[in-house]
Amino acid sequence: MTGTITKNYLFASDFDQTLSFNDSGLVLTELLGIPVEDFHRKAAGMAKLNLVQQGAELAYLLLHDPDFRSRVRREHLVEAGKLIPLRENIDQLYRTLDHGIEGYHFDFYVLSAAPVEIVKSALEGVVPADHIFGTEFLYNEAGEIKQIVRATAGYGKVARLTQLQAELGIGPDHVIFAGDGSSDIHAMLHVNGESGLTIAVSETRNVTHIAKRTVLSTNALAVLAPILEEVAHWDHSQIRDFYESQGFLVREWARVRTDWLTLKPIQAQAAEAGGQ
């Protein structure tokens, strides 16, 4: 419609388990021939000790762990990206957010704690490289990782979001963030505090409690449902029609509110209190 005012938004998404099905660290570990159990054990140990920002465990291992540092070169990160299975229709999600919703434009960016080489390789031809931010490294002459330049994990995602808002001229209440795990908590709390929209794409308990909406689907286009409902204020009928116009039939749409409770007998609680 001529003269329609376009509302601009920033849509930022995590990568691992949000746009993909496999964790970058696991794919790289298998590619290098390192036992997956070793990666789990070392990453869990760092998470437990809070040695690094949540989500940056892989970056720390690549820089400091002898098993990883001695084997990893930039080409291995690129190769690992090619092996990561992606959620369906990320390319269509990008195009739809860019110009497919009348009256709205969403700048789509990916913010990931994974090495940027992995994410760019995985999303090559799907999301422009300059719209992808991940953990950045410097390499020495032998091709080994020399240092971490910037880690887009934990509060690092908040810093990158703030930078993008300033560059794009996007107001804080026009920010949408989608994520799945602990590395996204800082970003979600930040966006919630600024009246933006947060979307969880997994059932991870500490994330679903923070996110304003939760969407579970193997198709990346599913994330449009809360955006069309909360931002564009469409009803379910309009959203179903929109999906059909994009070539998809909404066969199932279940909205369930989950309450997490831990119940303990009063007598047991009193006995514990008496023993202290």
Protein backbone atom coordinates (compact mmCIF):
# COMPACT_ATOMS: atom_id res chain seq x y z
CA MET A 1 0.00 0.00 0.00
CA THR A 2 1.41 3.37 -1.01
CA GLY A 3 2.39 5.55 1.90
CA THR A 4 2.49 2.70 4.43
CA ILE A 5 4.96 3.43 7.24
CA THR A 6 7.40 0.59 7.79
CA LYS A 7 8.25 -0.27 11.40
CA ASN A 8 11.84 -1.44 11.81
CA TYR A 9 12.85 -4.17 14.26
CA LEU A 10 16.03 -6.04 15.15
CA PHE A 11 15.69 -9.84 15.21
CA ALA A 12 18.69 -11.56 16.79
CA SER A 13 19.04 -15.31 17.08
CA ASP A 14 21.41 -17.71 18.77
CA PHE A 15 22.87 -20.46 16.55
CA ASP A 16 23.57 -23.74 18.38
CA GLN A 17 20.30 -25.60 19.03
CA THR A 18 18.35 -22.51 17.89
CA LEU A 19 19.06 -22.52 14.16
CA SER A 20 20.80 -25.89 14.25
CA PHE A 21 20.20 -29.32 15.76
CA ASN A 22 23.74 -30.19 16.89
CA ASP A 23 26.10 -28.34 19.19
CA SER A 24 29.13 -26.91 17.33
CA GLY A 25 31.48 -28.26 19.98
CA LEU A 26 30.26 -31.83 19.53
CA VAL A 27 30.53 -31.68 15.74
CA LEU A 28 34.06 -30.28 15.92
CA THR A 29 35.08 -32.80 18.58
CA GLU A 30 33.94 -35.71 16.41
CA LEU A 31 35.68 -34.21 13.37
CA LEU A 32 38.97 -34.01 15.29
CA GLY A 33 38.68 -37.57 16.52
CA ILE A 34 38.54 -36.54 20.17
CA PRO A 35 36.23 -38.66 22.37
CA VAL A 36 32.93 -36.83 22.84
CA GLU A 37 33.01 -37.83 26.50
CA ASP A 38 36.16 -35.74 26.93
CA PHE A 39 34.43 -32.65 25.54
CA HIS A 40 31.40 -33.13 27.81
CA ARG A 41 33.59 -33.67 30.87
CA LYS A 42 35.82 -30.67 30.28
CA ALA A 43 33.00 -28.32 29.32
CA ALA A 44 30.92 -29.40 32.31
CA GLY A 45 33.89 -28.86 34.62
CA MET A 46 34.33 -25.28 33.40
CA ALA A 47 30.61 -24.58 33.68
CA LYS A 48 30.58 -25.90 37.24
CA LEU A 49 33.55 -23.76 38.26
CA ASN A 50 32.27 -20.69 36.36
CA LEU A 51 35.67 -20.27 34.72
CA VAL A 52 34.21 -18.73 31.56
CA GLN A 53 31.02 -17.10 30.33
CA GLN A 54 28.31 -19.70 29.83
CA GLY A 55 28.45 -20.83 26.23
CA ALA A 56 32.14 -19.95 25.77
CA GLU A 57 33.41 -23.33 26.95
CA LEU A 58 34.34 -24.44 23.42
CA ALA A 59 36.31 -21.23 22.78
CA TYR A 60 38.22 -21.73 26.04
CA LEU A 61 39.05 -25.34 25.15
CA LEU A 62 40.27 -24.34 21.69
CA LEU A 63 42.61 -21.78 23.21
CA HIS A 64 43.87 -23.56 26.33
CA ASP A 65 43.28 -27.31 26.16
CA PRO A 66 46.26 -29.18 24.61
CA ASP A 67 44.06 -31.80 22.91
CA PHE A 68 42.10 -29.13 21.07
CA ARG A 69 44.67 -26.39 20.54
CA SER A 70 47.24 -28.68 18.95
CA ARG A 71 44.74 -30.05 16.42
CA VAL A 72 42.47 -27.14 15.46
CA ARG A 73 43.14 -24.89 12.52
CA ARG A 74 40.80 -22.42 10.85
CA GLU A 75 39.99 -24.92 8.08
CA HIS A 76 38.74 -27.40 10.68
CA LEU A 77 36.26 -24.83 11.96
CA VAL A 78 35.02 -24.18 8.43
CA GLU A 79 34.71 -27.92 7.78
CA ALA A 80 32.80 -28.45 11.03
CA GLY A 81 30.30 -25.78 9.98
CA LYS A 82 29.50 -27.70 6.81
CA LEU A 83 28.61 -30.76 8.91
CA ILE A 84 26.10 -29.08 11.22
CA PRO A 85 22.46 -29.94 10.42
CA LEU A 86 20.30 -26.82 10.29
CA ARG A 87 16.64 -26.29 11.08
CA GLU A 88 14.40 -26.18 8.06
CA ASN A 89 13.72 -22.98 6.09
CA ILE A 90 16.16 -20.57 7.74
CA ASP A 91 16.62 -18.93 4.35
CA GLN A 92 12.87 -18.39 4.01
CA LEU A 93 12.73 -16.99 7.54
CA TYR A 94 15.45 -14.50 6.61
CA ARG A 95 13.61 -13.39 3.46
CA THR A 96 10.26 -13.13 5.23
CA LEU A 97 11.62 -11.00 8.04
CA ASP A 98 13.45 -8.83 5.53
CA HIS A 99 10.51 -7.91 3.30
CA GLY A 100 7.68 -10.42 3.62
CA ILE A 101 5.49 -8.84 6.31
CA GLU A 102 3.67 -5.74 5.13
CA GLY A 103 4.40 -2.71 7.27
CA TYR A 104 7.36 -4.34 9.05
CA HIS A 105 11.04 -4.88 8.41
CA PHE A 106 13.24 -7.04 10.63
CA ASP A 107 17.04 -6.95 10.43
CA PHE A 108 18.08 -10.58 11.01
CA TYR A 109 21.37 -11.15 12.86
CA VAL A 110 22.92 -14.27 14.36
CA LEU A 111 24.76 -13.96 17.68
CA SER A 112 26.60 -17.09 18.73
CA ALA A 113 29.17 -18.17 21.29
CA ALA A 114 30.48 -20.67 18.72
CA PRO A 115 33.55 -19.77 16.64
CA VAL A 116 32.46 -17.34 13.94
CA GLU A 117 34.11 -19.49 11.24
CA ILE A 118 31.80 -22.39 12.13
CA VAL A 119 28.63 -20.31 12.07
CA LYS A 120 29.46 -18.49 8.83
CA SER A 121 30.33 -21.79 7.16
CA ALA A 122 27.10 -23.44 8.35
CA LEU A 123 24.92 -20.53 7.20
CA GLU A 124 26.78 -19.74 3.97
CA GLY A 125 24.28 -18.74 1.30
CA VAL A 126 21.51 -18.53 3.90
CA VAL A 127 22.39 -15.54 6.11
CA PRO A 128 24.84 -12.86 4.90
CA ALA A 129 28.27 -13.18 6.54
CA ASP A 130 28.15 -9.60 7.80
CA HIS A 131 24.98 -10.46 9.74
CA ILE A 132 26.74 -13.21 11.70
CA PHE A 133 28.69 -12.63 14.91
CA GLY A 134 30.47 -15.35 16.83
CA THR A 135 33.59 -15.82 18.91
CA GLU A 136 36.58 -14.37 17.07
CA PHE A 137 40.17 -15.64 17.27
CA LEU A 138 43.65 -14.48 16.30
CA TYR A 139 45.93 -17.16 14.83
CA ASN A 140 49.71 -17.50 15.04
CA GLU A 141 52.02 -18.24 12.11
CA ALA A 142 51.56 -21.98 12.60
CA GLY A 143 47.81 -21.58 12.25
CA GLU A 144 47.09 -22.28 15.92
CA ILE A 145 44.66 -20.13 17.86
CA LYS A 146 46.68 -17.41 19.57
CA GLN A 147 44.00 -15.54 21.50
CA ILE A 148 40.31 -14.81 21.75
CA VAL A 149 39.50 -11.38 20.34
CA ARG A 150 35.85 -11.33 21.34
CA ALA A 151 33.47 -13.94 22.73
CA THR A 152 29.80 -13.52 21.89
CA ALA A 153 28.64 -15.44 24.95
CA GLY A 154 26.74 -14.46 28.06
CA TYR A 155 27.00 -10.72 28.53
CA GLY A 156 28.95 -10.58 25.27
CA LYS A 157 25.64 -11.05 23.46
CA VAL A 158 24.17 -8.09 25.32
CA ALA A 159 27.11 -5.94 24.25
CA ARG A 160 26.68 -6.98 20.63
CA LEU A 161 22.91 -6.38 20.76
CA THR A 162 23.48 -2.89 22.15
CA GLN A 163 26.00 -2.16 19.41
CA LEU A 164 23.62 -3.33 16.67
CA GLN A 165 20.78 -1.25 18.10
CA ALA A 166 22.94 1.86 17.95
CA GLU A 167 24.17 1.14 14.42
CA LEU A 168 20.68 0.41 13.08
CA GLY A 169 18.88 3.09 15.08
CA ILE A 170 16.52 0.54 16.62
CA GLY A 171 14.67 1.38 19.83
CA PRO A 172 15.00 -1.06 22.75
CA ASP A 173 11.33 -2.08 22.56
CA HIS A 174 11.83 -3.07 18.90
CA VAL A 175 14.30 -5.87 19.66
CA ILE A 176 13.45 -9.57 19.40
CA PHE A 177 15.82 -12.25 20.66
CA ALA A 178 15.51 -16.01 20.14
CA GLY A 179 17.62 -18.55 22.00
CA ASP A 180 17.66 -21.91 23.67
CA GLY A 181 20.17 -22.16 26.51
CA SER A 182 22.13 -20.71 29.40
CA SER A 183 24.32 -18.59 27.15
CA ASP A 184 21.21 -16.65 26.12
CA ILE A 185 19.96 -15.75 29.60
CA HIS A 186 21.82 -12.41 29.84
CA ALA A 187 20.48 -11.33 26.45
CA MET A 188 16.93 -12.36 27.29
CA LEU A 189 16.95 -10.55 30.61
CA HIS A 190 18.31 -7.45 28.87
CA VAL A 191 15.66 -7.54 26.11
CA ASN A 192 12.85 -8.22 28.60
CA GLY A 193 13.97 -5.29 30.71
CA GLU A 194 13.72 -3.00 27.68
CA SER A 195 10.20 -4.21 26.75
CA GLY A 196 11.40 -6.26 23.79
CA LEU A 197 10.26 -9.77 22.86
CA THR A 198 12.15 -12.93 23.87
CA ILE A 199 11.47 -16.34 22.35
CA ALA A 200 12.73 -19.68 23.65
CA VAL A 201 13.02 -22.48 21.09
CA SER A 202 13.70 -25.28 23.56
CA GLU A 203 12.22 -26.67 26.75
CA THR A 204 15.33 -25.77 28.76
CA ARG A 205 13.82 -24.81 32.09
CA ASN A 206 15.92 -21.77 33.01
CA VAL A 207 15.29 -20.25 29.56
CA THR A 208 11.56 -20.92 29.23
CA HIS A 209 11.02 -19.26 32.62
CA ILE A 210 12.63 -16.08 31.29
CA ALA A 211 11.40 -15.96 27.70
CA LYS A 212 8.07 -14.27 27.04
CA ARG A 213 7.14 -16.93 24.48
CA THR A 214 8.29 -20.49 23.75
CA VAL A 215 8.07 -22.14 20.33
CA LEU A 216 8.97 -25.77 19.69
CA SER A 217 9.37 -26.85 16.07
CA THR A 218 11.93 -28.31 13.67
CA ASN A 219 11.04 -25.54 11.21
CA ALA A 220 12.70 -22.15 11.68
CA LEU A 221 9.59 -20.43 10.29
CA ALA A 222 7.71 -21.37 13.47
CA VAL A 223 9.40 -18.48 15.25
CA LEU A 224 7.25 -16.15 13.15
CA ALA A 225 4.12 -17.13 15.09
CA PRO A 226 4.88 -15.16 18.28
CA ILE A 227 6.30 -12.29 16.22
CA LEU A 228 3.13 -11.98 14.14
CA GLU A 229 1.01 -12.30 17.28
CA GLU A 230 2.95 -10.07 19.70
CA VAL A 231 4.41 -7.49 17.30
CA ALA A 232 1.98 -7.32 14.36
CA HIS A 233 -1.02 -8.21 16.59
CA TRP A 234 -2.43 -10.75 14.15
CA ASP A 235 -4.97 -13.33 15.29
CA HIS A 236 -4.59 -17.09 14.77
CA SER A 237 -6.65 -17.06 11.59
CA GLN A 238 -4.45 -14.39 10.00
CA ILE A 239 -1.30 -16.26 11.04
CA ARG A 240 -2.57 -19.53 9.60
CA ASP A 241 -3.41 -17.76 6.33
CA PHE A 242 0.04 -16.22 6.26
CA TYR A 243 1.74 -19.59 6.66
CA GLU A 244 -0.39 -20.97 3.85
CA SER A 245 0.70 -18.06 1.65
CA GLN A 246 4.28 -19.13 2.40
CA GLY A 247 3.52 -22.71 1.37
CA PHE A 248 2.88 -24.28 4.77
CA LEU A 249 -0.21 -25.71 6.41
CA VAL A 250 -0.38 -25.37 10.20
CA ARG A 251 -1.43 -28.89 11.14
CA GLU A 252 -0.80 -28.66 14.88
CA TRP A 253 -0.65 -25.59 17.12
CA ALA A 254 -0.78 -26.42 20.79
CA ARG A 255 -0.26 -23.74 23.39
CA VAL A 256 0.45 -25.13 26.83
CA ARG A 257 1.36 -23.27 30.00
CA THR A 258 3.72 -25.33 32.17
CA ASP A 259 4.04 -24.79 35.90
CA TRP A 260 7.17 -26.22 37.51
CA LEU A 261 6.59 -27.16 41.15
CA THR A 262 8.63 -29.08 43.69
CA LEU A 263 6.41 -30.30 46.55
CA LYS A 264 7.74 -31.58 49.85
CA PRO A 265 5.70 -32.93 52.79
CA ILE A 266 5.39 -30.40 55.60
CA GLN A 267 6.56 -32.97 58.14
CA ALA A 268 9.77 -33.56 56.18
CA GLN A 269 10.43 -29.83 55.95
CA ALA A 270 9.88 -29.43 59.72
CA ALA A 271 12.21 -32.37 60.42
CA GLU A 272 14.95 -30.82 58.25
CA ALA A 273 14.54 -27.46 60.01
CA GLY A 274 14.77 -29.14 63.41
CA GLY A 275 17.98 -30.88 62.51
CA GLN A 276 19.81 -27.66 61.61
